[in-house]
Amino acid sequence: DGLELCRRVRADSRIPVIVLSVKGEEDIKVQALDAGADDYVTKPFSVNELLARVRAALRRASSPEPDIPVLEMGDFRIDVPSRIVTVRSQEVKLTPTEFDLLLYFAKHPGKVITHKKLLAAVWGPNSVEQPEYLRVFIGQLRKKLETQEGSPHYILTEPWVGYRFQPGD
């Protein structure tokens, strides 16, 4: 099925994966994103929206950050060229979009970042009105990074505004 295909592609490649589906339930979206999808688009959608999402996925996939090879802060070590993240000396497997989101957070530690700013930075300017994507990815990042579920320590919610990244001591 599509989820298994996504897992297999993600195991061998960093190629962007965008799921197009008629299924709009949150748990289905979460399963696809957990399987390695970078984005999830529910039908019906416009061709312009799909093309914008493809462009954003391609930008993320082809935009290395040579000026910052490794970010080390608090409990985090982010090797940008190899896209390897370690938290408390343990490697954490992230999807490309999760990595891009965490990297954006890491470049702005301690600062409140609005929902719109995060959406524009990671998904592109045409996605600023799609906060459900952000909520799903923040939830997935928290599951992978946090030590206690339900008690965020690294990615803090700023109600009605956005999120703040606290990398630890």
Foldseek 3Di string as FASTA:
>chain_A
DLLVVLLVCQVPDLQAAEAEEQDDDPVVVLSSVVSQHLYYHHPPDDPVVVVLQVVLSVCLVPDQDVVDQWDDDAQWIARRVVRWIGGVNHTFDHHSLLSQLVVVLSVPAQDFDFQQRSCCSRRNNVCSVPSVVVVSSVQVNCVRHPPDPPDDDAWAADPPGGIHGHRHD
